[in-house]
Structure formats: C-alpha cells, structure tokens
C-alpha atoms as a PDB file:
ATOM      1  CA  MET A   1      25.949  18.772  25.729  1.00  0.00           C
ATOM      2  CA  ARG A   2      27.977  18.096  22.674  1.00  0.00           C
ATOM      3  CA  ALA A   3      27.614  14.283  23.076  1.00  0.00           C
ATOM      4  CA  ALA A   4      23.803  14.597  23.515  1.00  0.00           C
ATOM      5  CA  ARG A   5      23.805  16.796  20.303  1.00  0.00           C
ATOM      6  CA  GLN A   6      25.798  14.210  18.334  1.00  0.00           C
ATOM      7  CA  ASP A   7      23.502  11.432  19.593  1.00  0.00           C
ATOM      8  CA  VAL A   8      20.514  13.217  18.292  1.00  0.00           C
ATOM      9  CA  TRP A   9      21.981  13.618  14.810  1.00  0.00           C
ATOM     10  CA  LEU A  10      23.282  10.036  14.687  1.00  0.00           C
ATOM     11  CA  ARG A  11      19.796   8.803  15.410  1.00  0.00           C
ATOM     12  CA  ALA A  12      18.454  10.888  12.594  1.00  0.00           C
ATOM     13  CA  ALA A  13      21.179   9.594  10.276  1.00  0.00           C
ATOM     14  CA  ALA A  14      20.285   6.033  11.261  1.00  0.00           C
ATOM     15  CA  LEU A  15      16.710   6.646  10.318  1.00  0.00           C
ATOM     16  CA  ALA A  16      17.575   8.325   7.101  1.00  0.00           C
ATOM     17  CA  ALA A  17      19.897   5.348   6.163  1.00  0.00           C
ATOM     18  CA  LEU A  18      17.111   2.861   7.085  1.00  0.00           C
ATOM     19  CA  LEU A  19      14.780   4.738   4.819  1.00  0.00           C
ATOM     20  CA  LEU A  20      17.253   5.058   1.966  1.00  0.00           C
ATOM     21  CA  GLY A  21      18.242   1.337   2.171  1.00  0.00           C
ATOM     22  CA  GLY A  22      14.606   0.395   2.091  1.00  0.00           C
ATOM     23  CA  ALA A  23      13.924   2.438  -0.833  1.00  0.00           C
ATOM     24  CA  VAL A  24      16.933   0.936  -2.822  1.00  0.00           C
ATOM     25  CA  ALA A  25      15.878  -2.549  -1.876  1.00  0.00           C
ATOM     26  CA  ALA A  26      12.290  -1.940  -3.006  1.00  0.00           C
ATOM     27  CA  LEU A  27      13.603  -0.687  -6.413  1.00  0.00           C
ATOM     28  CA  VAL A  28      16.106  -3.622  -6.827  1.00  0.00           C
ATOM     29  CA  VAL A  29      14.456  -6.711  -5.374  1.00  0.00           C
ATOM     30  CA  ASP A  30      11.541  -8.138  -7.389  1.00  0.00           C
ATOM     31  CA  LEU A  31       8.461  -9.483  -5.696  1.00  0.00           C
ATOM     32  CA  PRO A  32       8.073 -13.180  -5.938  1.00  0.00           C
ATOM     33  CA  SER A  33       5.348 -14.501  -8.289  1.00  0.00           C
ATOM     34  CA  PRO A  34       2.177 -15.838  -6.702  1.00  0.00           C
ATOM     35  CA  ASP A  35       2.932 -19.342  -7.795  1.00  0.00           C
ATOM     36  CA  ARG A  36       6.503 -19.260  -6.306  1.00  0.00           C
ATOM     37  CA  LEU A  37       5.205 -17.729  -3.084  1.00  0.00           C
ATOM     38  CA  ARG A  38       2.481 -20.279  -2.755  1.00  0.00           C
ATOM     39  CA  ALA A  39       4.932 -23.203  -3.268  1.00  0.00           C
ATOM     40  CA  TRP A  40       7.183 -21.705  -0.676  1.00  0.00           C
ATOM     41  CA  LEU A  41       4.379 -21.351   1.821  1.00  0.00           C
ATOM     42  CA  ASP A  42       3.215 -24.923   1.283  1.00  0.00           C
ATOM     43  CA  ALA A  43       6.685 -26.358   1.931  1.00  0.00           C
ATOM     44  CA  ALA A  44       7.317 -24.093   4.922  1.00  0.00           C
ATOM     45  CA  GLY A  45       4.163 -25.417   6.814  1.00  0.00           C
ATOM     46  CA  ALA A  46       2.712 -23.708   9.865  1.00  0.00           C
ATOM     47  CA  GLY A  47       5.889 -21.628  10.500  1.00  0.00           C
ATOM     48  CA  GLY A  48       5.449 -20.171   7.131  1.00  0.00           C
ATOM     49  CA  TRP A  49       2.633 -18.038   8.088  1.00  0.00           C
ATOM     50  CA  ALA A  50       4.433 -16.274  10.882  1.00  0.00           C
ATOM     51  CA  LEU A  51       7.507 -15.805   8.633  1.00  0.00           C
ATOM     52  CA  LEU A  52       5.224 -14.357   5.864  1.00  0.00           C
ATOM     53  CA  VAL A  53       3.657 -11.751   8.370  1.00  0.00           C
ATOM     54  CA  ALA A  54       7.209 -10.930   9.627  1.00  0.00           C
ATOM     55  CA  ALA A  55       8.422 -10.492   5.956  1.00  0.00           C
ATOM     56  CA  LEU A  56       5.591  -8.227   5.172  1.00  0.00           C
ATOM     57  CA  THR A  57       6.136  -6.208   8.219  1.00  0.00           C
ATOM     58  CA  LEU A  58       9.888  -5.679   7.179  1.00  0.00           C
ATOM     59  CA  VAL A  59       8.966  -4.781   3.688  1.00  0.00           C
ATOM     60  CA  LEU A  60       6.397  -2.231   4.681  1.00  0.00           C
ATOM     61  CA  LEU A  61       8.942  -0.451   6.674  1.00  0.00           C
ATOM     62  CA  ALA A  62      10.367   0.674   3.370  1.00  0.00           C
ATOM     63  CA  PRO A  63       8.512   3.261   1.192  1.00  0.00           C
ATOM     64  CA  VAL A  64       6.637   0.633  -0.853  1.00  0.00           C
ATOM     65  CA  PRO A  65       2.914   0.685  -1.934  1.00  0.00           C
ATOM     66  CA  ARG A  66       1.043  -1.393   0.645  1.00  0.00           C
ATOM     67  CA  SER A  67      -1.771  -1.926  -1.834  1.00  0.00           C
ATOM     68  CA  VAL A  68       0.413  -4.040  -4.098  1.00  0.00           C
ATOM     69  CA  LEU A  69       1.445  -6.348  -1.269  1.00  0.00           C
ATOM     70  CA  SER A  70      -2.208  -6.757  -0.243  1.00  0.00           C
ATOM     71  CA  VAL A  71      -3.221  -7.551  -3.671  1.00  0.00           C
ATOM     72  CA  LEU A  72      -0.504 -10.237  -3.813  1.00  0.00           C
ATOM     73  CA  ALA A  73      -1.665 -11.626  -0.440  1.00  0.00           C
ATOM     74  CA  GLY A  74      -5.147 -11.985  -1.827  1.00  0.00           C
ATOM     75  CA  ALA A  75      -3.863 -13.673  -4.998  1.00  0.00           C
ATOM     76  CA  VAL A  76      -1.621 -16.194  -3.127  1.00  0.00           C
ATOM     77  CA  LEU A  77      -3.671 -17.047  -0.027  1.00  0.00           C
ATOM     78  CA  GLY A  78      -7.180 -16.189  -0.900  1.00  0.00           C
ATOM     79  CA  PHE A  79      -9.471 -13.647   0.746  1.00  0.00           C
ATOM     80  CA  GLY A  80      -9.698 -14.857   4.326  1.00  0.00           C
ATOM     81  CA  PRO A  81      -6.083 -15.815   4.962  1.00  0.00           C
ATOM     82  CA  GLY A  82      -4.789 -13.032   2.753  1.00  0.00           C
ATOM     83  CA  LEU A  83      -6.902 -10.501   4.640  1.00  0.00           C
ATOM     84  CA  ALA A  84      -5.556 -11.686   8.048  1.00  0.00           C
ATOM     85  CA  VAL A  85      -1.946 -11.619   6.979  1.00  0.00           C
ATOM     86  CA  ALA A  86      -2.214  -8.192   5.163  1.00  0.00           C
ATOM     87  CA  LEU A  87      -3.884  -6.668   8.123  1.00  0.00           C
ATOM     88  CA  ALA A  88      -1.471  -8.227  10.729  1.00  0.00           C
ATOM     89  CA  GLY A  89       1.552  -7.062   8.698  1.00  0.00           C
ATOM     90  CA  GLY A  90       0.174  -3.596   8.141  1.00  0.00           C
ATOM     91  CA  VAL A  91      -0.485  -3.037  11.821  1.00  0.00           C
ATOM     92  CA  LEU A  92       2.868  -4.318  12.919  1.00  0.00           C
ATOM     93  CA  ALA A  93       4.734  -2.311  10.288  1.00  0.00           C
ATOM     94  CA  GLY A  94       2.740   0.776  11.278  1.00  0.00           C
ATOM     95  CA  LEU A  95       3.629   0.241  14.881  1.00  0.00           C
ATOM     96  CA  ALA A  96       7.372  -0.419  14.126  1.00  0.00           C
ATOM     97  CA  ALA A  97       7.652   2.547  11.869  1.00  0.00           C
ATOM     98  CA  PHE A  98       5.956   4.711  14.544  1.00  0.00           C
ATOM     99  CA  GLY A  99       8.462   3.539  17.049  1.00  0.00           C
ATOM    100  CA  LEU A 100      11.522   4.190  14.757  1.00  0.00           C
ATOM    101  CA  GLY A 101      10.237   7.593  13.928  1.00  0.00           C
ATOM    102  CA  ARG A 102       9.758   8.475  17.677  1.00  0.00           C
ATOM    103  CA  VAL A 103      12.960   7.089  18.896  1.00  0.00           C
ATOM    104  CA  LEU A 104      15.327   7.928  15.994  1.00  0.00           C
ATOM    105  CA  GLY A 105      13.750  10.893  14.377  1.00  0.00           C
ATOM    106  CA  ARG A 106      11.830  12.932  16.967  1.00  0.00           C
ATOM    107  CA  PRO A 107      14.817  14.365  18.748  1.00  0.00           C
ATOM    108  CA  ALA A 108      16.126  15.869  15.505  1.00  0.00           C
ATOM    109  CA  ALA A 109      12.717  17.173  14.563  1.00  0.00           C
ATOM    110  CA  ALA A 110      12.403  18.857  17.976  1.00  0.00           C
ATOM    111  CA  ARG A 111      15.741  20.670  17.425  1.00  0.00           C
ATOM    112  CA  LEU A 112      14.766  21.529  13.887  1.00  0.00           C
ATOM    113  CA  ALA A 113      11.205  22.594  14.414  1.00  0.00           C
ATOM    114  CA  GLY A 114      11.419  24.066  17.911  1.00  0.00           C
ATOM    115  CA  PRO A 115       8.171  25.808  19.128  1.00  0.00           C
ATOM    116  CA  ARG A 116       6.310  24.869  15.904  1.00  0.00           C
ATOM    117  CA  LEU A 117       6.637  21.052  16.972  1.00  0.00           C
ATOM    118  CA  GLN A 118       5.335  21.855  20.433  1.00  0.00           C
ATOM    119  CA  ARG A 119       2.175  23.553  18.833  1.00  0.00           C
ATOM    120  CA  ALA A 120       1.761  20.549  16.658  1.00  0.00           C
ATOM    121  CA  ASP A 121       2.011  18.272  19.680  1.00  0.00           C
ATOM    122  CA  GLN A 122      -0.677  20.207  21.446  1.00  0.00           C
ATOM    123  CA  PHE A 123      -2.941  19.835  18.463  1.00  0.00           C
ATOM    124  CA  PHE A 124      -2.374  16.019  18.104  1.00  0.00           C
ATOM    125  CA  THR A 125      -2.561  15.356  21.842  1.00  0.00           C
ATOM    126  CA  GLY A 126      -6.408  15.376  21.786  1.00  0.00           C
ATOM    127  CA  ARG A 127      -6.801  14.612  18.029  1.00  0.00           C
ATOM    128  CA  GLY A 128      -4.362  11.913  17.429  1.00  0.00           C
ATOM    129  CA  PHE A 129      -6.838   9.070  16.881  1.00  0.00           C
ATOM    130  CA  THR A 130      -8.975  11.184  14.305  1.00  0.00           C
ATOM    131  CA  ALA A 131      -5.996  12.593  12.480  1.00  0.00           C
ATOM    132  CA  VAL A 132      -4.422   9.141  11.927  1.00  0.00           C
ATOM    133  CA  LEU A 133      -7.620   7.531  11.146  1.00  0.00           C
ATOM    134  CA  VAL A 134      -8.395  10.073   8.524  1.00  0.00           C
ATOM    135  CA  GLY A 135      -4.982   9.613   7.036  1.00  0.00           C
ATOM    136  CA  ARG A 136      -5.283   5.911   6.956  1.00  0.00           C
ATOM    137  CA  LEU A 137      -8.672   6.226   5.161  1.00  0.00           C
ATOM    138  CA  ILE A 138      -7.309   8.600   2.410  1.00  0.00           C
ATOM    139  CA  PRO A 139      -5.695   6.407  -0.164  1.00  0.00           C
ATOM    140  CA  VAL A 140      -3.311   9.089  -1.523  1.00  0.00           C
ATOM    141  CA  ILE A 141      -1.390   9.448   1.825  1.00  0.00           C
ATOM    142  CA  PRO A 142       1.441   6.803   1.539  1.00  0.00           C
ATOM    143  CA  PHE A 143       1.396   4.128   4.472  1.00  0.00           C
ATOM    144  CA  ALA A 144       5.161   4.870   5.402  1.00  0.00           C
ATOM    145  CA  VAL A 145       4.949   8.526   5.446  1.00  0.00           C
ATOM    146  CA  LEU A 146       1.979   8.609   7.817  1.00  0.00           C
ATOM    147  CA  SER A 147       3.658   5.976  10.055  1.00  0.00           C
ATOM    148  CA  TYR A 148       6.880   7.537  10.396  1.00  0.00           C
ATOM    149  CA  GLY A 149       5.326  11.084  10.429  1.00  0.00           C
ATOM    150  CA  SER A 150       3.178  10.127  13.380  1.00  0.00           C
ATOM    151  CA  GLY A 151       6.245   8.974  15.244  1.00  0.00           C
ATOM    152  CA  LEU A 152       7.864  12.456  14.735  1.00  0.00           C
ATOM    153  CA  SER A 153       4.703  14.235  15.911  1.00  0.00           C
ATOM    154  CA  GLY A 154       3.167  14.020  19.353  1.00  0.00           C
ATOM    155  CA  VAL A 155       0.512  11.432  18.673  1.00  0.00           C
ATOM    156  CA  ARG A 156       0.346   9.040  21.484  1.00  0.00           C
ATOM    157  CA  PRO A 157       0.979   5.295  20.794  1.00  0.00           C
ATOM    158  CA  VAL A 158      -2.358   3.779  21.955  1.00  0.00           C
ATOM    159  CA  PRO A 159      -4.587   6.058  19.869  1.00  0.00           C
ATOM    160  CA  TYR A 160      -2.242   5.794  16.908  1.00  0.00           C
ATOM    161  CA  LEU A 161      -2.373   2.071  17.042  1.00  0.00           C
ATOM    162  CA  ALA A 162      -6.175   1.958  17.437  1.00  0.00           C
ATOM    163  CA  ALA A 163      -6.594   4.319  14.480  1.00  0.00           C
ATOM    164  CA  THR A 164      -4.210   2.365  12.426  1.00  0.00           C
ATOM    165  CA  ALA A 165      -5.938  -0.903  13.064  1.00  0.00           C
ATOM    166  CA  VAL A 166      -9.363   0.481  12.360  1.00  0.00           C
ATOM    167  CA  GLY A 167      -8.173   2.690   9.292  1.00  0.00           C
ATOM    168  CA  LEU A 168      -6.494  -0.140   7.372  1.00  0.00           C
ATOM    169  CA  VAL A 169      -9.577  -2.457   7.303  1.00  0.00           C
ATOM    170  CA  PRO A 170     -11.499  -0.866   4.396  1.00  0.00           C
ATOM    171  CA  SER A 171      -8.577  -0.384   2.012  1.00  0.00           C
ATOM    172  CA  THR A 172      -7.141  -3.828   2.837  1.00  0.00           C
ATOM    173  CA  VAL A 173     -10.465  -5.574   2.225  1.00  0.00           C
ATOM    174  CA  VAL A 174     -10.880  -4.052  -1.232  1.00  0.00           C
ATOM    175  CA  GLN A 175      -7.160  -4.721  -2.154  1.00  0.00           C
ATOM    176  CA  VAL A 176      -7.010  -8.229  -0.914  1.00  0.00           C
ATOM    177  CA  GLY A 177     -10.481  -8.869  -2.567  1.00  0.00           C
ATOM    178  CA  ILE A 178      -8.976  -7.721  -5.844  1.00  0.00           C
ATOM    179  CA  GLY A 179      -6.109 -10.132  -5.643  1.00  0.00           C
ATOM    180  CA  ALA A 180      -8.383 -13.075  -4.505  1.00  0.00           C
ATOM    181  CA  SER A 181     -10.835 -12.504  -7.332  1.00  0.00           C
ATOM    182  CA  ALA A 182      -8.072 -12.129 -10.081  1.00  0.00           C
ATOM    183  CA  GLY A 183      -7.765 -15.973 -10.641  1.00  0.00           C
ATOM    184  CA  PHE A 184     -11.568 -16.279 -10.784  1.00  0.00           C
ATOM    185  CA  VAL A 185     -11.935 -13.523 -13.397  1.00  0.00           C
ATOM    186  CA  VAL A 186      -9.196 -14.985 -15.453  1.00  0.00           C
ATOM    187  CA  SER A 187     -10.530 -18.446 -15.333  1.00  0.00           C
ATOM    188  CA  ARG A 188     -14.055 -17.078 -16.395  1.00  0.00           C
ATOM    189  CA  LEU A 189     -12.518 -15.238 -19.286  1.00  0.00           C
ATOM    190  CA  SER A 190     -10.692 -18.192 -20.573  1.00  0.00           C
ATOM    191  CA  THR A 191     -13.998 -20.238 -20.780  1.00  0.00           C
ATOM    192  CA  ILE A 192     -15.440 -17.755 -23.093  1.00  0.00           C
ATOM    193  CA  THR A 193     -15.712 -19.355 -26.550  1.00  0.00           C
ATOM    194  CA  THR A 194     -14.411 -17.412 -29.600  1.00  0.00           C
ATOM    195  CA  VAL A 195     -17.771 -17.320 -31.408  1.00  0.00           C
ATOM    196  CA  PRO A 196     -19.259 -14.411 -29.390  1.00  0.00           C
ATOM    197  CA  VAL A 197     -15.905 -12.510 -29.577  1.00  0.00           C
ATOM    198  CA  VAL A 198     -15.826 -12.919 -33.428  1.00  0.00           C
ATOM    199  CA  ALA A 199     -19.422 -11.806 -33.462  1.00  0.00           C
ATOM    200  CA  VAL A 200     -18.744  -8.769 -31.505  1.00  0.00           C
ATOM    201  CA  VAL A 201     -15.634  -7.847 -33.687  1.00  0.00           C
ATOM    202  CA  VAL A 202     -17.775  -8.292 -36.954  1.00  0.00           C
ATOM    203  CA  LEU A 203     -20.537  -6.101 -35.579  1.00  0.00           C
ATOM    204  CA  LEU A 204     -17.969  -3.328 -34.561  1.00  0.00           C
ATOM    205  CA  VAL A 205     -16.482  -3.612 -38.163  1.00  0.00           C
ATOM    206  CA  LEU A 206     -19.822  -3.328 -39.836  1.00  0.00           C
ATOM    207  CA  ALA A 207     -20.733  -0.353 -37.519  1.00  0.00           C
ATOM    208  CA  GLY A 208     -17.667   1.462 -38.271  1.00  0.00           C
ATOM    209  CA  GLY A 209     -18.086   0.744 -42.079  1.00  0.00           C
ATOM    210  CA  LEU A 210     -21.638   2.072 -42.067  1.00  0.00           C
ATOM    211  CA  ALA A 211     -20.617   5.238 -40.062  1.00  0.00           C
ATOM    212  CA  TRP A 212     -17.954   5.835 -42.646  1.00  0.00           C
ATOM    213  CA  TRP A 213     -20.340   5.344 -45.478  1.00  0.00           C
ATOM    214  CA  HIS A 214     -23.028   7.586 -44.050  1.00  0.00           C
ATOM    215  CA  ARG A 215     -20.268  10.278 -43.387  1.00  0.00           C
ATOM    216  CA  ARG A 216     -19.063  10.107 -47.028  1.00  0.00           C
ATOM    217  CA  ARG A 217     -22.749  10.296 -48.471  1.00  0.00           C
ATOM    218  CA  ALA A 218     -23.374  13.404 -46.347  1.00  0.00           C
ATOM    219  CA  GLY A 219     -20.160  14.990 -47.775  1.00  0.00           C
ATOM    220  CA  GLU A 220     -21.172  14.340 -51.302  1.00  0.00           C
ATOM    221  CA  ARG A 221     -24.618  15.890 -50.702  1.00  0.00           C
ATOM    222  CA  GLN A 222     -23.024  18.982 -49.385  1.00  0.00           C
ATOM    223  CA  ARG A 223     -20.840  19.294 -52.478  1.00  0.00           C
ATOM    224  CA  TYR A 224     -23.851  19.255 -54.813  1.00  0.00           C
END
C-alpha cells in the first residue's frame, strides 16, 4: 500500500518536473530566425520535415504559445507546408500531453479530488468530444493546459484526439496564414515610393495646423 502511494506521488512529481523544465527552457531558449530555420531545413533534406514535426511536438509539450510557432511555420515554410507541419505537430503534441497527464498525473488527481473527480468523469464520459472541441476553438485557453487537463479528466482518448484534430484547424489556418503573408506584406510596403508618404505627412501637418488656427480664433472671439 505504501509503495503504491509513493508511486502515485513519484509520477506526479515527474509530471511537475517535466512541466517546470519545459517552462524554463521556453524562457531561456530563443526561437530560431526564419532565415536560419529555412537554411537548416534546406540542408537537412527530406528527413528535415520529420525532424521539424518532432521538434515542434516536443516544444509544444512545454507551456509555450502554439500561435507563435504556427506563425513561424507559415513564415518559414509557406502556407501549405507550414499548415501541414503545424497541424501534425499540434495533434501529436496534444496526444502526447494527454498521455502524460493520464499516466503520470491522473492517479494523484484521483487521490486529491476523490468523489469530485468521479463526478467530473461522469460528465466528460458522454461530452468529451464537445468539451475538448469548444476548448480548442476558444483562443484564450492555452494549448498545454487543455491537453494535460484532459489527461487528468475522464475524457476518452478517441473523442479527445478527434476533437483536437478538428478544433486546431481554424486557429492554425489563421496563424499560418499570418506568417505566410508576412513576407508579402513587407515586400509590398518596401515598394511604396516616398512621394505618397511625404504627401500624406504634409497633409496631416496642414490639417493639424488648420485645426490649431481655428481653435485659436475661436478662443479670441470668446474673449471679445
């Protein structure tokens, strides 16, 4: 009995250490620049794509913003390949975090929550797909929190995986699209000549001066 209890808390400690280590790494390690990542991917060849998906999966196990990585994937790979890599990494990371939460954290959660966890399990047994899908569609819910939290709860693996795969699509499309279009926007802005910009600045200055002069005249009339 005592050995079983120690095993429960050792699992929970391992999960906590994993999350803490991931958080520290996310704060210390800088993301590579798009140019550097693109050069590495070109040099790695076909195997670089699998390594990129694996690296994205590992990074997403830490409490890092998935949106930043999706934008980076779009900026480096373009929309189509970036979307495929971001979705594959997100689904695999969500499944891995779910498994870690279920194996390492759920026994401790069951001991701490007791009957309350059983009531939550009864709720999520028939509503797991809907609950996870809504959580994935709401941008304010962190990716890692929902992934590990689902593993702690009674959500079944198949509905969780299906809801994750469907729920990640809308936000990933938007985020990868932003990254893929960043280069186009910058290039378009760089082709703008300085003449229209100067004209706009002059007009703004004239408008501001006219407004100041009108306000001053109004103040002088009120005095007299």
